[in-house]
């Protein structure tokens, strides 16, 4: 009999955290699983650890291969997976002990479903010390029939980590029947491409579970995108945009959601832009492409145009936040230089001689003890809005770095959200405005403070 679950773990330099990962699988309350671990040419003791677990527990399988990347490692696991369902876990992450039991219960309850999605907690560390946790999860348990995906897409994009493969459960039969594999040439968005391929090929009923089963381990100062090849970034962004828009075009989207859906994909790409800020200008410029044309094969003049808009501060980025206290004025501008805090290198601060930073702000609404604020960035410094609001004496609600150290009930992070991007289209010269709705957690907090 095949197991109920196949858990695929790609492993590369995971030695310090690998035992925690494997133990979180071994300690599952549901025991009908196989765990396929792929040592992707790791130079540390990861391979020996995998062999040790495989010797002690027949449910673990250790595969060793030359270093070919995380996608090739996952594909190697898929090639031998026998479970009814497939889940992915990275070698330095962990999962909750009741994950498989809860997923099995939900799968039995809705047997027509072919994709189960659950929450993910991102645990940020400084070395081995946990600094903070940010959790993304659906606001409720829900069954979304395949024919209604379009109506719920806006909700899915704003309440779930859609691009990760690690907070989802896939039907193994559908993966193999449709030949769905990870893109081994991709350096970013390889997970999201995989998820989009599954959604496009299988059109599954979707189950959402309001529980964060997965714990993603990250370093506070990590900037993975800055280490990537700029040429691969352009190619990967091209592939992602094409797949996402092609899939979205097959759905019955409400008319008012179309610009929001397009804005979502551009917002995801903007994360790469921000991660590349430490790279030389020439490298950053390579990433800018014409996202509204077919593909990203824009002419050099169009690339230069978008790059110039960023450098000339005409590419407008708008955010909304909830700050503590009541701002005196209805609008204003903070023009205060920002640099790294000499007393705490993990924080930024307003420091004379720092890099110029300009934030324009205006009040949207006032509440007892809080203010809902819209901010427009003229510059793009690390933590700029958070630092500038704290500088005004009104830190962002939930910001435990620049405000109160105690977490706010109902919040997994600070109440700060990117809502808009505006630029001049390099080809048509028309003004393009893209928006992204406030997440449920943000709007729930607005309702709470309005009582």
Protein backbone atom coordinates (compact mmCIF):
# COMPACT_ATOMS: atom_id res chain seq x y z
CA UNK A 1 0.00 0.00 0.00
CA UNK A 2 1.34 3.44 -0.87
CA UNK A 3 1.56 5.90 2.01
CA UNK A 4 -0.94 8.70 2.41
CA UNK A 5 1.73 11.39 2.20
CA UNK A 6 5.05 11.92 0.45
CA UNK A 7 7.14 14.64 2.05
CA UNK A 8 9.97 15.89 -0.16
CA UNK A 9 12.90 17.67 1.49
CA UNK A 10 15.71 19.19 -0.62
CA UNK A 11 18.84 19.53 1.49
CA UNK A 12 21.86 21.76 0.95
CA UNK A 13 24.03 23.05 3.80
CA UNK A 14 21.20 22.44 6.25
CA UNK A 15 23.38 20.67 8.83
CA UNK A 16 22.82 22.98 11.83
CA UNK A 17 19.02 22.80 11.47
CA UNK A 18 18.44 19.52 9.65
CA UNK A 19 17.76 17.38 12.73
CA UNK A 20 15.05 19.79 13.86
CA UNK A 21 13.47 19.52 10.42
CA UNK A 22 13.58 15.73 10.28
CA UNK A 23 12.37 15.39 13.86
CA UNK A 24 9.35 17.56 13.06
CA UNK A 25 8.46 14.97 10.39
CA UNK A 26 9.24 11.95 12.57
CA UNK A 27 7.07 13.35 15.36
CA UNK A 28 3.94 13.64 13.24
CA UNK A 29 0.87 12.31 15.03
CA UNK A 30 -0.24 10.66 11.77
CA UNK A 31 2.33 8.00 10.91
CA UNK A 32 1.39 6.92 7.37
CA UNK A 33 3.97 8.86 5.39
CA UNK A 34 7.24 8.61 3.51
CA UNK A 35 9.91 11.29 3.66
CA UNK A 36 12.15 11.59 0.61
CA UNK A 37 15.29 13.58 1.42
CA UNK A 38 17.58 14.70 -1.40
CA UNK A 39 21.14 15.62 -0.50
CA UNK A 40 21.95 18.10 -3.27
CA UNK A 41 25.73 17.77 -3.05
CA UNK A 42 25.85 19.45 0.34
CA UNK A 43 29.48 19.94 1.52
CA UNK A 44 28.58 19.74 5.24
CA UNK A 45 27.39 16.76 7.27
CA UNK A 46 23.83 16.88 5.89
CA UNK A 47 24.30 13.70 3.85
CA UNK A 48 25.49 11.72 6.88
CA UNK A 49 22.54 12.97 8.92
CA UNK A 50 20.11 11.84 6.21
CA UNK A 51 21.72 8.39 6.08
CA UNK A 52 21.45 8.11 9.86
CA UNK A 53 17.69 8.85 9.84
CA UNK A 54 17.14 6.46 6.89
CA UNK A 55 18.90 3.64 8.81
CA UNK A 56 16.81 4.19 11.93
CA UNK A 57 13.42 4.74 10.28
CA UNK A 58 12.42 3.03 7.03
CA UNK A 59 9.99 5.83 6.25
CA UNK A 60 12.97 8.09 5.49
CA UNK A 61 14.72 7.74 2.12
CA UNK A 62 18.06 9.42 1.45
CA UNK A 63 18.98 10.29 -2.15
CA UNK A 64 22.41 11.72 -2.91
CA UNK A 65 23.20 13.70 -6.06
CA UNK A 66 25.67 16.29 -7.31
CA UNK A 67 24.73 19.88 -6.63
CA UNK A 68 22.08 20.84 -9.20
CA UNK A 69 19.89 23.25 -7.25
CA UNK A 70 16.73 23.09 -5.16
CA UNK A 71 14.40 22.59 -8.14
CA UNK A 72 16.34 19.59 -9.45
CA UNK A 73 16.39 18.13 -5.93
CA UNK A 74 12.62 18.47 -5.56
CA UNK A 75 12.12 16.94 -9.00
CA UNK A 76 14.26 13.97 -7.98
CA UNK A 77 11.94 13.49 -5.02
CA UNK A 78 8.84 13.76 -7.19
CA UNK A 79 10.16 11.06 -9.50
CA UNK A 80 9.97 8.46 -6.70
CA UNK A 81 7.06 9.81 -4.64
CA UNK A 82 4.40 7.15 -3.94
CA UNK A 83 2.02 8.95 -1.58
CA UNK A 84 -1.51 10.03 -2.43
CA UNK A 85 -0.52 13.58 -1.51
CA UNK A 86 2.78 15.44 -1.81
CA UNK A 87 4.11 18.15 0.50
CA UNK A 88 7.38 20.07 0.32
CA UNK A 89 9.55 21.06 3.29
CA UNK A 90 12.94 22.77 3.13
CA UNK A 91 15.83 21.29 5.08
CA UNK A 92 16.17 24.16 7.56
CA UNK A 93 12.42 24.55 8.24
CA UNK A 94 10.00 22.69 10.51
CA UNK A 95 6.31 21.77 10.60
CA UNK A 96 3.76 21.41 13.38
CA UNK A 97 3.35 17.83 14.74
CA UNK A 98 -0.36 17.66 13.83
CA UNK A 99 0.08 18.93 10.27
CA UNK A 100 -0.48 15.65 8.43
CA UNK A 101 -3.31 14.54 10.72
CA UNK A 102 -5.21 17.78 10.19
CA UNK A 103 -4.60 17.75 6.44
CA UNK A 104 -5.78 14.15 6.21
CA UNK A 105 -8.96 15.02 8.08
CA UNK A 106 -9.68 17.91 5.71
CA UNK A 107 -8.90 15.78 2.64
CA UNK A 108 -11.42 13.17 3.79
CA UNK A 109 -14.04 15.85 4.44
CA UNK A 110 -13.74 17.33 0.92
CA UNK A 111 -12.62 14.47 -1.30
CA UNK A 112 -13.11 16.46 -4.51
CA UNK A 113 -10.42 18.96 -3.45
CA UNK A 114 -7.00 18.68 -5.08
CA UNK A 115 -5.13 21.53 -3.37
CA UNK A 116 -4.95 22.25 0.35
CA UNK A 117 -3.46 25.57 1.45
CA UNK A 118 -2.46 26.52 4.98
CA UNK A 119 -0.62 29.22 6.89
CA UNK A 120 3.10 29.81 7.07
CA UNK A 121 5.09 31.44 9.88
CA UNK A 122 8.34 33.15 8.94
CA UNK A 123 10.71 32.99 11.90
CA UNK A 124 13.45 35.61 11.58
CA UNK A 125 16.71 34.90 13.40
CA UNK A 126 19.89 36.76 14.22
CA UNK A 127 22.29 33.85 14.26
CA UNK A 128 20.51 31.23 16.36
CA UNK A 129 18.33 33.72 18.27
CA UNK A 130 14.69 34.16 17.20
CA UNK A 131 14.00 37.87 16.65
CA UNK A 132 10.44 37.97 15.36
CA UNK A 133 7.78 35.92 13.63
CA UNK A 134 5.47 36.98 10.81
CA UNK A 135 2.51 34.71 10.08
CA UNK A 136 0.44 34.62 6.90
CA UNK A 137 -2.67 32.48 6.92
CA UNK A 138 -6.24 32.44 5.62
CA UNK A 139 -8.74 34.35 7.75
CA UNK A 140 -11.06 31.33 7.83
CA UNK A 141 -11.40 27.67 6.86
CA UNK A 142 -13.02 27.51 3.45
CA UNK A 143 -13.77 25.28 0.45
CA UNK A 144 -13.44 27.07 -2.91
CA UNK A 145 -14.89 25.09 -5.86
CA UNK A 146 -12.81 25.20 -9.03
CA UNK A 147 -15.43 27.21 -10.89
CA UNK A 148 -15.36 29.95 -8.26
CA UNK A 149 -11.59 30.52 -8.10
CA UNK A 150 -11.89 33.78 -10.05
CA UNK A 151 -14.41 35.22 -7.63
CA UNK A 152 -12.08 34.43 -4.72
CA UNK A 153 -8.75 35.23 -6.40
CA UNK A 154 -8.45 38.68 -4.84
CA UNK A 155 -8.96 37.13 -1.42
CA UNK A 156 -6.46 34.34 -2.14
CA UNK A 157 -3.78 36.79 -3.24
CA UNK A 158 -4.15 39.04 -0.20
CA UNK A 159 -4.62 36.45 2.56
CA UNK A 160 -2.32 33.59 1.54
CA UNK A 161 1.33 33.09 0.63
CA UNK A 162 0.29 32.00 -2.87
CA UNK A 163 3.78 31.73 -4.33
CA UNK A 164 5.17 29.17 -1.86
CA UNK A 165 5.00 25.43 -2.51
CA UNK A 166 5.70 24.70 1.16
CA UNK A 167 2.30 25.74 2.53
CA UNK A 168 0.35 23.56 0.10
CA UNK A 169 -0.59 19.92 -0.34
CA UNK A 170 -0.77 18.57 -3.91
CA UNK A 171 -2.34 15.40 -5.31
CA UNK A 172 0.60 13.29 -6.45
CA UNK A 173 -1.41 11.62 -9.21
CA UNK A 174 -2.20 15.00 -10.81
CA UNK A 175 1.42 16.14 -10.57
CA UNK A 176 2.61 13.05 -12.43
CA UNK A 177 -0.28 12.86 -14.90
CA UNK A 178 0.34 16.47 -16.01
CA UNK A 179 4.15 16.27 -15.88
CA UNK A 180 4.38 19.17 -13.44
CA UNK A 181 7.95 19.79 -12.30
CA UNK A 182 10.00 22.65 -10.90
CA UNK A 183 11.81 24.89 -13.38
CA UNK A 184 15.46 23.91 -12.87
CA UNK A 185 16.78 27.02 -14.65
CA UNK A 186 14.90 29.48 -12.44
CA UNK A 187 16.70 31.36 -9.65
CA UNK A 188 13.63 33.20 -8.31
CA UNK A 189 9.91 32.42 -8.29
CA UNK A 190 10.52 28.72 -9.02
CA UNK A 191 7.93 27.84 -6.36
CA UNK A 192 5.34 30.23 -7.76
CA UNK A 193 5.84 28.91 -11.29
CA UNK A 194 5.27 25.37 -9.98
CA UNK A 195 2.08 26.40 -8.17
CA UNK A 196 0.79 28.22 -11.26
CA UNK A 197 1.50 25.19 -13.45
CA UNK A 198 -0.55 23.05 -11.05
CA UNK A 199 -3.42 25.54 -10.91
CA UNK A 200 -3.46 25.90 -14.70
CA UNK A 201 -3.27 22.19 -15.51
CA UNK A 202 -5.48 20.80 -12.77
CA UNK A 203 -8.04 23.57 -12.04
CA UNK A 204 -8.48 22.14 -8.54
CA UNK A 205 -11.04 22.71 -5.84
CA UNK A 206 -9.11 24.51 -3.10
CA UNK A 207 -9.31 24.00 0.65
CA UNK A 208 -8.05 26.81 2.93
CA UNK A 209 -7.07 26.02 6.52
CA UNK A 210 -6.68 28.73 9.12
CA UNK A 211 -3.63 27.28 10.80
CA UNK A 212 0.08 27.94 10.32
CA UNK A 213 1.50 24.41 10.05
CA UNK A 214 4.77 25.48 8.40
CA UNK A 215 7.69 27.34 10.00
CA UNK A 216 10.07 29.01 7.56
CA UNK A 217 13.48 29.87 8.98
CA UNK A 218 15.09 33.11 7.76
CA UNK A 219 17.95 35.35 8.79
CA UNK A 220 17.04 38.92 9.66
CA UNK A 221 19.72 40.35 7.34
CA UNK A 222 19.16 37.89 4.49
CA UNK A 223 18.96 39.35 0.97
CA UNK A 224 18.86 36.32 -1.31
CA UNK A 225 17.74 38.16 -4.44
CA UNK A 226 20.76 40.45 -4.36
CA UNK A 227 22.99 37.41 -4.94
CA UNK A 228 21.08 36.23 -8.01
CA UNK A 229 22.09 36.62 -11.65
CA UNK A 230 20.40 39.71 -13.05
CA UNK A 231 19.90 37.97 -16.39
CA UNK A 232 18.14 35.02 -14.78
CA UNK A 233 16.00 37.45 -12.82
CA UNK A 234 14.72 39.04 -16.01
CA UNK A 235 14.02 35.65 -17.56
CA UNK A 236 12.31 34.35 -14.43
CA UNK A 237 10.16 37.47 -14.07
CA UNK A 238 9.17 37.04 -17.72
CA UNK A 239 8.14 33.42 -17.15
CA UNK A 240 6.26 34.20 -13.97
CA UNK A 241 4.34 37.13 -15.44
CA UNK A 242 3.39 35.14 -18.53
CA UNK A 243 2.16 32.16 -16.51
CA UNK A 244 0.28 34.24 -13.97
CA UNK A 245 -1.57 36.39 -16.49
CA UNK A 246 -2.30 33.36 -18.70
CA UNK A 247 -3.85 31.52 -15.75
CA UNK A 248 -5.77 34.57 -14.51
CA UNK A 249 -7.22 35.09 -18.01
CA UNK A 250 -8.94 31.68 -17.78
CA UNK A 251 -10.83 32.69 -14.63
CA UNK A 252 -14.08 34.61 -14.33
CA UNK A 253 -12.72 37.66 -12.53
CA UNK A 254 -15.01 40.42 -11.26
CA UNK A 255 -14.31 43.52 -13.34
CA UNK A 256 -13.25 45.55 -10.31
CA UNK A 257 -10.67 42.90 -9.37
CA UNK A 258 -8.76 42.91 -12.67
CA UNK A 259 -6.45 45.88 -11.87
CA UNK A 260 -5.89 44.50 -8.38
CA UNK A 261 -4.86 41.10 -9.73
CA UNK A 262 -2.44 42.72 -12.19
CA UNK A 263 -1.16 44.94 -9.40
CA UNK A 264 -0.45 41.90 -7.27
CA UNK A 265 1.99 40.37 -9.72
CA UNK A 266 3.77 43.69 -10.13
CA UNK A 267 3.98 44.04 -6.37
CA UNK A 268 5.66 40.64 -6.14
CA UNK A 269 8.17 41.74 -8.75
CA UNK A 270 8.79 44.97 -6.82
CA UNK A 271 10.09 42.84 -3.94
CA UNK A 272 12.96 41.88 -6.23
CA UNK A 273 13.54 45.54 -7.07
CA UNK A 274 13.91 46.40 -3.39
CA UNK A 275 16.19 43.41 -2.77
CA UNK A 276 18.46 44.60 -5.56
CA UNK A 277 18.93 48.10 -4.12
CA UNK A 278 22.40 47.19 -2.86
CA UNK A 279 23.46 46.09 -6.33
CA UNK A 280 25.20 48.43 -8.81
CA UNK A 281 22.90 50.62 -10.88
CA UNK A 282 23.71 48.72 -14.07
CA UNK A 283 22.58 45.46 -12.47
CA UNK A 284 19.36 46.98 -11.14
CA UNK A 285 18.53 48.47 -14.51
CA UNK A 286 18.52 45.04 -16.14
CA UNK A 287 15.50 44.04 -14.08
CA UNK A 288 13.19 46.77 -15.38
CA UNK A 289 11.05 45.58 -18.26
CA UNK A 290 7.77 46.48 -19.84
CA UNK A 291 5.40 44.38 -17.72
CA UNK A 292 2.30 45.46 -19.63
CA UNK A 293 3.45 44.25 -23.05
CA UNK A 294 3.60 40.66 -24.19
CA UNK A 295 6.56 39.24 -22.29
CA UNK A 296 9.45 41.35 -21.08
CA UNK A 297 11.42 41.78 -24.29
CA UNK A 298 11.32 45.56 -24.04
CA UNK A 299 13.65 47.71 -26.12
CA UNK A 300 16.65 49.28 -24.41
CA UNK A 301 15.03 52.71 -24.57
CA UNK A 302 12.05 51.45 -22.58
CA UNK A 303 14.32 49.86 -19.98
CA UNK A 304 16.21 53.13 -19.64
CA UNK A 305 12.89 55.00 -19.36
CA UNK A 306 11.66 52.95 -16.40
CA UNK A 307 15.07 53.08 -14.73
CA UNK A 308 15.11 56.85 -15.12
CA UNK A 309 11.67 57.09 -13.52
CA UNK A 310 12.95 55.24 -10.47
CA UNK A 311 16.10 57.33 -10.27
CA UNK A 312 14.15 60.56 -10.88
CA UNK A 313 11.52 59.74 -8.23
CA UNK A 314 8.64 59.86 -10.73
CA UNK A 315 7.84 56.16 -10.17
CA UNK A 316 5.38 56.65 -7.31
CA UNK A 317 4.96 54.09 -4.53
CA UNK A 318 2.07 54.51 -2.12
CA UNK A 319 1.54 52.84 1.24
CA UNK A 320 -1.07 52.91 3.97
CA UNK A 321 -0.40 52.45 7.66
CA UNK A 322 -2.01 52.81 11.07
CA UNK A 323 0.10 54.85 13.48
CA UNK A 324 -0.16 55.19 17.24
CA UNK A 325 -1.53 58.53 18.44
CA UNK A 326 -3.08 61.43 16.53
CA UNK A 327 -1.05 63.47 14.09
CA UNK A 328 -1.63 67.20 14.55
CA UNK A 329 -1.67 68.16 10.90
CA UNK A 330 -3.69 66.60 8.09
CA UNK A 331 -0.63 66.21 5.86
CA UNK A 332 3.07 66.83 5.78
CA UNK A 333 6.51 65.79 4.57
CA UNK A 334 9.35 64.19 6.48
CA UNK A 335 12.70 65.09 4.93
CA UNK A 336 15.14 63.42 7.30
CA UNK A 337 18.26 61.42 6.39
CA UNK A 338 18.38 57.74 7.33
CA UNK A 339 21.37 55.57 8.20
CA UNK A 340 22.04 52.44 10.21
CA UNK A 341 21.75 52.95 13.96
CA UNK A 342 25.26 52.85 15.46
CA UNK A 343 23.89 51.44 18.73
CA UNK A 344 21.90 48.64 17.07
CA UNK A 345 23.05 47.59 13.59
CA UNK A 346 19.74 45.83 12.90
CA UNK A 347 17.85 49.14 13.12
CA UNK A 348 17.80 52.23 10.97
CA UNK A 349 17.51 55.75 12.40
CA UNK A 350 17.29 59.42 11.42
CA UNK A 351 20.95 60.44 11.52
CA UNK A 352 22.60 63.63 10.22
CA UNK A 353 24.84 62.73 7.30
CA UNK A 354 22.73 59.69 6.39
CA UNK A 355 21.20 59.09 2.98
CA UNK A 356 18.47 61.55 2.00
CA UNK A 357 15.00 60.16 2.73
CA UNK A 358 11.70 61.90 1.93
CA UNK A 359 8.24 60.64 2.87
CA UNK A 360 5.04 62.56 2.06
CA UNK A 361 2.07 61.69 4.27
CA UNK A 362 -1.60 62.54 4.65
CA UNK A 363 -4.30 61.54 7.10
CA UNK A 364 -7.00 59.23 5.78
CA UNK A 365 -9.00 58.88 9.00
CA UNK A 366 -8.65 59.55 12.71
CA UNK A 367 -9.61 57.16 15.52
CA UNK A 368 -9.30 57.35 19.30
CA UNK A 369 -5.58 56.89 19.90
CA UNK A 370 -4.73 56.01 16.28
CA UNK A 371 -4.45 57.55 12.81
CA UNK A 372 -4.90 55.89 9.42
CA UNK A 373 -2.24 57.42 7.15
CA UNK A 374 -1.32 57.30 3.47
CA UNK A 375 2.40 57.66 2.66
CA UNK A 376 4.09 58.33 -0.66
CA UNK A 377 7.79 57.59 -1.00
CA UNK A 378 10.01 60.01 -2.82
CA UNK A 379 13.04 57.92 -1.91
CA UNK A 380 13.38 54.27 -0.99
CA UNK A 381 15.48 53.71 2.12
CA UNK A 382 15.39 50.61 4.31
CA UNK A 383 12.45 50.82 6.78
CA UNK A 384 11.88 54.41 5.60
CA UNK A 385 8.20 54.80 6.54
CA UNK A 386 8.64 52.96 9.83
CA UNK A 387 11.61 55.14 10.79
CA UNK A 388 9.98 58.40 9.70
CA UNK A 389 6.69 57.72 11.50
CA UNK A 390 8.59 56.86 14.69
CA UNK A 391 10.65 60.03 14.19
CA UNK A 392 7.39 62.01 14.22
CA UNK A 393 6.50 60.35 17.52
CA UNK A 394 3.84 58.15 15.96
CA UNK A 395 5.25 54.64 15.36
CA UNK A 396 3.32 52.20 13.22
CA UNK A 397 0.92 49.98 15.11
CA UNK A 398 2.47 46.55 15.62
CA UNK A 399 6.03 47.69 14.86
CA UNK A 400 8.02 46.10 17.68
CA UNK A 401 11.32 47.43 16.31
CA UNK A 402 10.55 51.16 16.20
CA UNK A 403 7.52 51.26 18.50
CA UNK A 404 6.20 49.37 21.51
CA UNK A 405 8.04 46.09 22.09
CA UNK A 406 4.89 44.21 23.04
CA UNK A 407 3.06 42.47 20.20
CA UNK A 408 -0.45 43.66 19.36
CA UNK A 409 -3.16 40.97 19.64
CA UNK A 410 -4.57 40.20 16.21
CA UNK A 411 -1.47 41.37 14.34
CA UNK A 412 1.35 39.22 12.97
CA UNK A 413 3.42 42.28 11.97
CA UNK A 414 3.11 46.02 11.61
CA UNK A 415 0.07 47.71 10.02
CA UNK A 416 1.89 48.85 6.88
CA UNK A 417 0.86 47.85 3.37
CA UNK A 418 1.90 48.79 -0.17
CA UNK A 419 -1.32 49.83 -1.93
CA UNK A 420 -0.24 51.49 -5.17
CA UNK A 421 2.37 51.84 -7.89
CA UNK A 422 2.23 54.54 -10.55
CA UNK A 423 4.51 55.17 -13.52
CA UNK A 424 4.59 56.45 -17.09
CA UNK A 425 4.28 53.60 -19.58
CA UNK A 426 7.57 53.68 -21.56
CA UNK A 427 5.86 52.87 -24.86
CA UNK A 428 2.40 54.51 -24.79
CA UNK A 429 3.46 57.38 -22.47
CA UNK A 430 0.20 56.90 -20.59
CA UNK A 431 0.02 57.08 -16.82
CA UNK A 432 -0.31 53.55 -15.40
CA UNK A 433 -1.79 53.10 -11.92
CA UNK A 434 -1.81 49.71 -10.18
CA UNK A 435 -3.40 49.04 -6.81
CA UNK A 436 -3.39 46.27 -4.22
CA UNK A 437 -6.15 46.02 -1.57
CA UNK A 438 -5.52 46.11 2.14
CA UNK A 439 -5.13 42.64 3.69
CA UNK A 440 -7.83 41.28 5.96
CA UNK A 441 -5.65 41.71 9.05
CA UNK A 442 -5.28 45.44 8.33
CA UNK A 443 -8.99 46.05 7.70
CA UNK A 444 -9.89 44.01 10.79
CA UNK A 445 -7.68 46.29 12.88
CA UNK A 446 -9.40 49.35 11.37
CA UNK A 447 -12.75 47.92 12.43
CA UNK A 448 -11.40 47.19 15.90
CA UNK A 449 -10.06 50.70 16.58
CA UNK A 450 -13.26 52.25 15.21
CA UNK A 451 -15.36 50.72 17.96
